[in-house]
PDB file of N, CA and C in Angstrom:
ATOM      1  N   MET A   1     159.394  69.492 123.270  1.00  0.00           N
ATOM      2  CA  MET A   1     159.502  70.915 123.499  1.00  0.00           C
ATOM      3  C   MET A   1     160.707  71.157 124.403  1.00  0.00           C
ATOM      4  N   LYS A   2     161.536  72.097 124.010  1.00  0.00           N
ATOM      5  CA  LYS A   2     162.718  72.421 124.801  1.00  0.00           C
ATOM      6  C   LYS A   2     162.367  73.548 125.771  1.00  0.00           C
ATOM      7  N   LEU A   3     162.694  73.336 127.039  1.00  0.00           N
ATOM      8  CA  LEU A   3     162.385  74.307 128.083  1.00  0.00           C
ATOM      9  C   LEU A   3     163.661  74.931 128.628  1.00  0.00           C
ATOM     10  N   LEU A   4     163.588  76.211 128.911  1.00  0.00           N
ATOM     11  CA  LEU A   4     164.679  76.935 129.549  1.00  0.00           C
ATOM     12  C   LEU A   4     164.337  77.066 131.027  1.00  0.00           C
ATOM     13  N   VAL A   5     165.260  76.659 131.877  1.00  0.00           N
ATOM     14  CA  VAL A   5     165.067  76.736 133.326  1.00  0.00           C
ATOM     15  C   VAL A   5     166.132  77.682 133.866  1.00  0.00           C
ATOM     16  N   ARG A   6     165.699  78.809 134.438  1.00  0.00           N
ATOM     17  CA  ARG A   6     166.644  79.816 134.923  1.00  0.00           C
ATOM     18  C   ARG A   6     166.547  79.984 136.436  1.00  0.00           C
ATOM     19  N   ASN A   7     167.558  80.616 136.987  1.00  0.00           N
ATOM     20  CA  ASN A   7     167.653  80.926 138.411  1.00  0.00           C
ATOM     21  C   ASN A   7     167.748  79.671 139.281  1.00  0.00           C
ATOM     22  N   LEU A   8     168.432  78.661 138.766  1.00  0.00           N
ATOM     23  CA  LEU A   8     168.660  77.443 139.549  1.00  0.00           C
ATOM     24  C   LEU A   8     169.753  77.689 140.581  1.00  0.00           C
ATOM     25  N   ALA A   9     169.642  77.019 141.724  1.00  0.00           N
ATOM     26  CA  ALA A   9     170.731  77.057 142.705  1.00  0.00           C
ATOM     27  C   ALA A   9     171.969  76.447 142.051  1.00  0.00           C
ATOM     28  N   ARG A  10     173.112  76.994 142.344  1.00  0.00           N
ATOM     29  CA  ARG A  10     174.361  76.507 141.741  1.00  0.00           C
ATOM     30  C   ARG A  10     174.663  75.058 142.143  1.00  0.00           C
ATOM     31  N   THR A  11     174.007  74.584 143.190  1.00  0.00           N
ATOM     32  CA  THR A  11     174.233  73.221 143.675  1.00  0.00           C
ATOM     33  C   THR A  11     173.297  72.197 143.037  1.00  0.00           C
ATOM     34  N   THR A  12     172.309  72.655 142.272  1.00  0.00           N
ATOM     35  CA  THR A  12     171.366  71.743 141.628  1.00  0.00           C
ATOM     36  C   THR A  12     172.088  70.905 140.578  1.00  0.00           C
ATOM     37  N   THR A  13     171.824  69.596 140.583  1.00  0.00           N
ATOM     38  CA  THR A  13     172.464  68.693 139.617  1.00  0.00           C
ATOM     39  C   THR A  13     171.507  68.382 138.464  1.00  0.00           C
ATOM     40  N   GLU A  14     172.061  67.850 137.374  1.00  0.00           N
ATOM     41  CA  GLU A  14     171.228  67.445 136.239  1.00  0.00           C
ATOM     42  C   GLU A  14     170.245  66.358 136.653  1.00  0.00           C
ATOM     43  N   ASP A  15     170.680  65.435 137.495  1.00  0.00           N
ATOM     44  CA  ASP A  15     169.793  64.357 137.950  1.00  0.00           C
ATOM     45  C   ASP A  15     168.616  64.912 138.747  1.00  0.00           C
ATOM     46  N   GLU A  16     168.880  65.890 139.605  1.00  0.00           N
ATOM     47  CA  GLU A  16     167.806  66.507 140.391  1.00  0.00           C
ATOM     48  C   GLU A  16     166.825  67.240 139.479  1.00  0.00           C
ATOM     49  N   LEU A  17     167.360  67.953 138.510  1.00  0.00           N
ATOM     50  CA  LEU A  17     166.518  68.694 137.574  1.00  0.00           C
ATOM     51  C   LEU A  17     165.658  67.736 136.751  1.00  0.00           C
ATOM     52  N   LYS A  18     166.263  66.669 136.278  1.00  0.00           N
ATOM     53  CA  LYS A  18     165.533  65.673 135.487  1.00  0.00           C
ATOM     54  C   LYS A  18     164.425  65.038 136.319  1.00  0.00           C
ATOM     55  N   ALA A  19     164.726  64.681 137.557  1.00  0.00           N
ATOM     56  CA  ALA A  19     163.727  64.063 138.432  1.00  0.00           C
ATOM     57  C   ALA A  19     162.553  65.006 138.683  1.00  0.00           C
ATOM     58  N   LEU A  20     162.840  66.281 138.842  1.00  0.00           N
ATOM     59  CA  LEU A  20     161.806  67.280 139.086  1.00  0.00           C
ATOM     60  C   LEU A  20     160.838  67.359 137.907  1.00  0.00           C
ATOM     61  N   PHE A  21     161.377  67.406 136.700  1.00  0.00           N
ATOM     62  CA  PHE A  21     160.534  67.497 135.509  1.00  0.00           C
ATOM     63  C   PHE A  21     159.870  66.163 135.184  1.00  0.00           C
ATOM     64  N   ALA A  22     160.504  65.059 135.536  1.00  0.00           N
ATOM     65  CA  ALA A  22     159.940  63.734 135.277  1.00  0.00           C
ATOM     66  C   ALA A  22     158.644  63.510 136.055  1.00  0.00           C
ATOM     67  N   GLU A  23     158.418  64.277 137.106  1.00  0.00           N
ATOM     68  CA  GLU A  23     157.155  64.192 137.847  1.00  0.00           C
ATOM     69  C   GLU A  23     155.981  64.647 136.980  1.00  0.00           C
ATOM     70  N   HIS A  24     156.285  65.368 135.898  1.00  0.00           N
ATOM     71  CA  HIS A  24     155.237  65.935 135.043  1.00  0.00           C
ATOM     72  C   HIS A  24     155.193  65.311 133.656  1.00  0.00           C
ATOM     73  N   GLY A  25     156.088  64.352 133.381  1.00  0.00           N
ATOM     74  CA  GLY A  25     156.080  63.690 132.087  1.00  0.00           C
ATOM     75  C   GLY A  25     157.441  63.124 131.723  1.00  0.00           C
ATOM     76  N   VAL A  26     157.541  62.685 130.483  1.00  0.00           N
ATOM     77  CA  VAL A  26     158.774  62.074 129.985  1.00  0.00           C
ATOM     78  C   VAL A  26     159.812  63.158 129.706  1.00  0.00           C
ATOM     79  N   VAL A  27     161.019  62.958 130.229  1.00  0.00           N
ATOM     80  CA  VAL A  27     162.130  63.875 129.978  1.00  0.00           C
ATOM     81  C   VAL A  27     163.092  63.184 129.015  1.00  0.00           C
ATOM     82  N   GLU A  28     163.263  63.786 127.854  1.00  0.00           N
ATOM     83  CA  GLU A  28     164.149  63.222 126.833  1.00  0.00           C
ATOM     84  C   GLU A  28     165.612  63.529 127.139  1.00  0.00           C
ATOM     85  N   SER A  29     165.875  64.769 127.583  1.00  0.00           N
ATOM     86  CA  SER A  29     167.239  65.154 127.953  1.00  0.00           C
ATOM     87  C   SER A  29     167.197  66.311 128.933  1.00  0.00           C
ATOM     88  N   CYS A  30     168.310  66.482 129.622  1.00  0.00           N
ATOM     89  CA  CYS A  30     168.438  67.538 130.618  1.00  0.00           C
ATOM     90  C   CYS A  30     169.897  67.976 130.651  1.00  0.00           C
ATOM     91  N   ASN A  31     170.140  69.270 130.481  1.00  0.00           N
ATOM     92  CA  ASN A  31     171.516  69.775 130.467  1.00  0.00           C
ATOM     93  C   ASN A  31     171.636  71.054 131.273  1.00  0.00           C
ATOM     94  N   LEU A  32     172.541  71.058 132.231  1.00  0.00           N
ATOM     95  CA  LEU A  32     172.887  72.287 132.930  1.00  0.00           C
ATOM     96  C   LEU A  32     173.999  72.972 132.147  1.00  0.00           C
ATOM     97  N   VAL A  33     173.966  74.296 132.120  1.00  0.00           N
ATOM     98  CA  VAL A  33     175.035  75.041 131.458  1.00  0.00           C
ATOM     99  C   VAL A  33     176.118  75.291 132.499  1.00  0.00           C
ATOM    100  N   LEU A  34     177.345  74.866 132.169  1.00  0.00           N
ATOM    101  CA  LEU A  34     178.467  74.960 133.103  1.00  0.00           C
ATOM    102  C   LEU A  34     179.479  75.999 132.648  1.00  0.00           C
ATOM    103  N   ASP A  35     180.118  76.631 133.612  1.00  0.00           N
ATOM    104  CA  ASP A  35     181.225  77.538 133.329  1.00  0.00           C
ATOM    105  C   ASP A  35     182.391  76.705 132.812  1.00  0.00           C
ATOM    106  N   GLN A  36     182.949  77.082 131.672  1.00  0.00           N
ATOM    107  CA  GLN A  36     184.016  76.285 131.064  1.00  0.00           C
ATOM    108  C   GLN A  36     185.288  76.263 131.903  1.00  0.00           C
ATOM    109  N   GLU A  37     185.543  77.331 132.638  1.00  0.00           N
ATOM    110  CA  GLU A  37     186.775  77.387 133.436  1.00  0.00           C
ATOM    111  C   GLU A  37     186.654  76.648 134.760  1.00  0.00           C
ATOM    112  N   THR A  38     185.522  76.841 135.442  1.00  0.00           N
ATOM    113  CA  THR A  38     185.373  76.250 136.774  1.00  0.00           C
ATOM    114  C   THR A  38     184.631  74.920 136.766  1.00  0.00           C
ATOM    115  N   GLY A  39     183.837  74.671 135.730  1.00  0.00           N
ATOM    116  CA  GLY A  39     183.037  73.455 135.675  1.00  0.00           C
ATOM    117  C   GLY A  39     181.800  73.515 136.549  1.00  0.00           C
ATOM    118  N   LYS A  40     181.523  74.683 137.138  1.00  0.00           N
ATOM    119  CA  LYS A  40     180.362  74.841 138.016  1.00  0.00           C
ATOM    120  C   LYS A  40     179.165  75.369 137.228  1.00  0.00           C
ATOM    121  N   SER A  41     177.992  75.095 137.754  1.00  0.00           N
ATOM    122  CA  SER A  41     176.751  75.517 137.116  1.00  0.00           C
ATOM    123  C   SER A  41     176.675  77.031 137.010  1.00  0.00           C
ATOM    124  N   LYS A  42     176.119  77.498 135.893  1.00  0.00           N
ATOM    125  CA  LYS A  42     175.875  78.928 135.707  1.00  0.00           C
ATOM    126  C   LYS A  42     174.478  79.311 136.200  1.00  0.00           C
ATOM    127  N   GLY A  43     173.732  78.339 136.718  1.00  0.00           N
ATOM    128  CA  GLY A  43     172.419  78.638 137.285  1.00  0.00           C
ATOM    129  C   GLY A  43     171.261  78.530 136.309  1.00  0.00           C
ATOM    130  N   PHE A  44     171.518  77.949 135.135  1.00  0.00           N
ATOM    131  CA  PHE A  44     170.414  77.705 134.216  1.00  0.00           C
ATOM    132  C   PHE A  44     170.703  76.466 133.384  1.00  0.00           C
ATOM    133  N   GLY A  45     169.645  75.971 132.756  1.00  0.00           N
ATOM    134  CA  GLY A  45     169.805  74.773 131.945  1.00  0.00           C
ATOM    135  C   GLY A  45     168.608  74.561 131.044  1.00  0.00           C
ATOM    136  N   PHE A  46     168.630  73.446 130.335  1.00  0.00           N
ATOM    137  CA  PHE A  46     167.581  73.116 129.382  1.00  0.00           C
ATOM    138  C   PHE A  46     167.049  71.715 129.659  1.00  0.00           C
ATOM    139  N   VAL A  47     165.738  71.575 129.514  1.00  0.00           N
ATOM    140  CA  VAL A  47     165.082  70.280 129.660  1.00  0.00           C
ATOM    141  C   VAL A  47     164.276  70.045 128.387  1.00  0.00           C
ATOM    142  N   GLU A  48     164.437  68.879 127.796  1.00  0.00           N
ATOM    143  CA  GLU A  48     163.702  68.523 126.576  1.00  0.00           C
ATOM    144  C   GLU A  48     162.618  67.515 126.939  1.00  0.00           C
ATOM    145  N   MET A  49     161.360  67.895 126.657  1.00  0.00           N
ATOM    146  CA  MET A  49     160.216  67.012 126.893  1.00  0.00           C
ATOM    147  C   MET A  49     159.491  66.826 125.559  1.00  0.00           C
ATOM    148  N   PRO A  50     159.397  65.582 125.059  1.00  0.00           N
ATOM    149  CA  PRO A  50     158.819  65.364 123.731  1.00  0.00           C
ATOM    150  C   PRO A  50     157.324  65.672 123.618  1.00  0.00           C
ATOM    151  N   ASP A  51     156.583  65.537 124.705  1.00  0.00           N
ATOM    152  CA  ASP A  51     155.140  65.773 124.678  1.00  0.00           C
ATOM    153  C   ASP A  51     154.849  67.229 125.056  1.00  0.00           C
ATOM    154  N   ILE A  52     154.238  67.974 124.146  1.00  0.00           N
ATOM    155  CA  ILE A  52     153.979  69.400 124.368  1.00  0.00           C
ATOM    156  C   ILE A  52     153.054  69.625 125.560  1.00  0.00           C
ATOM    157  N   ASP A  53     152.040  68.775 125.721  1.00  0.00           N
ATOM    158  CA  ASP A  53     151.110  68.932 126.841  1.00  0.00           C
ATOM    159  C   ASP A  53     151.808  68.709 128.181  1.00  0.00           C
ATOM    160  N   GLU A  54     152.683  67.701 128.241  1.00  0.00           N
ATOM    161  CA  GLU A  54     153.437  67.447 129.474  1.00  0.00           C
ATOM    162  C   GLU A  54     154.383  68.610 129.761  1.00  0.00           C
ATOM    163  N   ALA A  55     154.994  69.157 128.723  1.00  0.00           N
ATOM    164  CA  ALA A  55     155.895  70.299 128.897  1.00  0.00           C
ATOM    165  C   ALA A  55     155.123  71.508 129.421  1.00  0.00           C
ATOM    166  N   ALA A  56     153.936  71.738 128.879  1.00  0.00           N
ATOM    167  CA  ALA A  56     153.105  72.855 129.335  1.00  0.00           C
ATOM    168  C   ALA A  56     152.703  72.669 130.795  1.00  0.00           C
ATOM    169  N   THR A  57     152.399  71.438 131.173  1.00  0.00           N
ATOM    170  CA  THR A  57     152.066  71.139 132.567  1.00  0.00           C
ATOM    171  C   THR A  57     153.259  71.421 133.473  1.00  0.00           C
ATOM    172  N   ALA A  58     154.448  71.025 133.035  1.00  0.00           N
ATOM    173  CA  ALA A  58     155.664  71.269 133.818  1.00  0.00           C
ATOM    174  C   ALA A  58     155.917  72.764 133.980  1.00  0.00           C
ATOM    175  N   ILE A  59     155.721  73.530 132.911  1.00  0.00           N
ATOM    176  CA  ILE A  59     155.904  74.986 132.992  1.00  0.00           C
ATOM    177  C   ILE A  59     154.947  75.563 134.026  1.00  0.00           C
ATOM    178  N   SER A  60     153.669  75.204 133.930  1.00  0.00           N
ATOM    179  CA  SER A  60     152.661  75.721 134.862  1.00  0.00           C
ATOM    180  C   SER A  60     152.967  75.340 136.302  1.00  0.00           C
ATOM    181  N   ALA A  61     153.400  74.105 136.497  1.00  0.00           N
ATOM    182  CA  ALA A  61     153.643  73.603 137.852  1.00  0.00           C
ATOM    183  C   ALA A  61     154.923  74.153 138.469  1.00  0.00           C
ATOM    184  N   LEU A  62     155.958  74.362 137.662  1.00  0.00           N
ATOM    185  CA  LEU A  62     157.274  74.672 138.224  1.00  0.00           C
ATOM    186  C   LEU A  62     157.702  76.132 138.116  1.00  0.00           C
ATOM    187  N   ASN A  63     157.150  76.881 137.171  1.00  0.00           N
ATOM    188  CA  ASN A  63     157.546  78.278 137.028  1.00  0.00           C
ATOM    189  C   ASN A  63     157.190  79.060 138.294  1.00  0.00           C
ATOM    190  N   GLY A  64     158.187  79.703 138.881  1.00  0.00           N
ATOM    191  CA  GLY A  64     157.962  80.502 140.085  1.00  0.00           C
ATOM    192  C   GLY A  64     158.045  79.730 141.388  1.00  0.00           C
ATOM    193  N   THR A  65     158.304  78.430 141.326  1.00  0.00           N
ATOM    194  CA  THR A  65     158.419  77.649 142.553  1.00  0.00           C
ATOM    195  C   THR A  65     159.836  77.725 143.106  1.00  0.00           C
ATOM    196  N   LYS A  66     159.950  77.486 144.407  1.00  0.00           N
ATOM    197  CA  LYS A  66     161.270  77.500 145.042  1.00  0.00           C
ATOM    198  C   LYS A  66     161.866  76.108 145.031  1.00  0.00           C
ATOM    199  N   ILE A  67     163.078  76.028 144.517  1.00  0.00           N
ATOM    200  CA  ILE A  67     163.830  74.782 144.493  1.00  0.00           C
ATOM    201  C   ILE A  67     165.186  75.092 145.099  1.00  0.00           C
ATOM    202  N   ALA A  68     165.488  74.443 146.218  1.00  0.00           N
ATOM    203  CA  ALA A  68     166.747  74.695 146.937  1.00  0.00           C
ATOM    204  C   ALA A  68     166.917  76.190 147.217  1.00  0.00           C
ATOM    205  N   LYS A  69     165.850  76.823 147.695  1.00  0.00           N
ATOM    206  CA  LYS A  69     165.829  78.230 148.098  1.00  0.00           C
ATOM    207  C   LYS A  69     165.928  79.224 146.943  1.00  0.00           C
ATOM    208  N   SER A  70     165.855  78.741 145.714  1.00  0.00           N
ATOM    209  CA  SER A  70     165.886  79.628 144.549  1.00  0.00           C
ATOM    210  C   SER A  70     164.545  79.563 143.830  1.00  0.00           C
ATOM    211  N   LYS A  71     163.976  80.731 143.539  1.00  0.00           N
ATOM    212  CA  LYS A  71     162.710  80.795 142.809  1.00  0.00           C
ATOM    213  C   LYS A  71     163.019  80.653 141.320  1.00  0.00           C
ATOM    214  N   VAL A  72     162.743  79.476 140.776  1.00  0.00           N
ATOM    215  CA  VAL A  72     163.122  79.189 139.391  1.00  0.00           C
ATOM    216  C   VAL A  72     162.094  79.742 138.405  1.00  0.00           C
ATOM    217  N   ARG A  73     162.582  79.989 137.202  1.00  0.00           N
ATOM    218  CA  ARG A  73     161.726  80.443 136.111  1.00  0.00           C
ATOM    219  C   ARG A  73     161.836  79.425 134.982  1.00  0.00           C
ATOM    220  N   VAL A  74     160.681  78.999 134.503  1.00  0.00           N
ATOM    221  CA  VAL A  74     160.634  77.981 133.449  1.00  0.00           C
ATOM    222  C   VAL A  74     159.793  78.525 132.303  1.00  0.00           C
ATOM    223  N   LYS A  75     160.323  78.409 131.086  1.00  0.00           N
ATOM    224  CA  LYS A  75     159.566  78.819 129.903  1.00  0.00           C
ATOM    225  C   LYS A  75     160.052  78.016 128.707  1.00  0.00           C
ATOM    226  N   ALA A  76     159.293  78.087 127.628  1.00  0.00           N
ATOM    227  CA  ALA A  76     159.714  77.431 126.392  1.00  0.00           C
ATOM    228  C   ALA A  76     160.969  78.129 125.885  1.00  0.00           C
ATOM    229  N   ALA A  77     161.958  77.344 125.489  1.00  0.00           N
ATOM    230  CA  ALA A  77     163.193  77.912 124.944  1.00  0.00           C
ATOM    231  C   ALA A  77     162.909  78.438 123.543  1.00  0.00           C
ATOM    232  N   GLU A  78     163.559  79.514 123.186  1.00  0.00           N
ATOM    233  CA  GLU A  78     163.348  80.128 121.863  1.00  0.00           C
ATOM    234  C   GLU A  78     164.295  79.564 120.842  1.00  0.00           C
TER     235      GLU A  78
END
């Protein structure tokens, strides 16, 4: 299941994001969306978790939590 993670701190790295979701299950991939000109994070990204139940657990656990002073939003990507 592909998850959309929004409102990330601009300083959050892909490794940090992957580690956060890995606490709730297997993470297949993790990608931050970067500004093409500056190379800096746009504040959102995608996490791919192959197990739907683990992905649902991650959504429940992480949606609305504060990570690096930013209240993140996590949902299934459309």
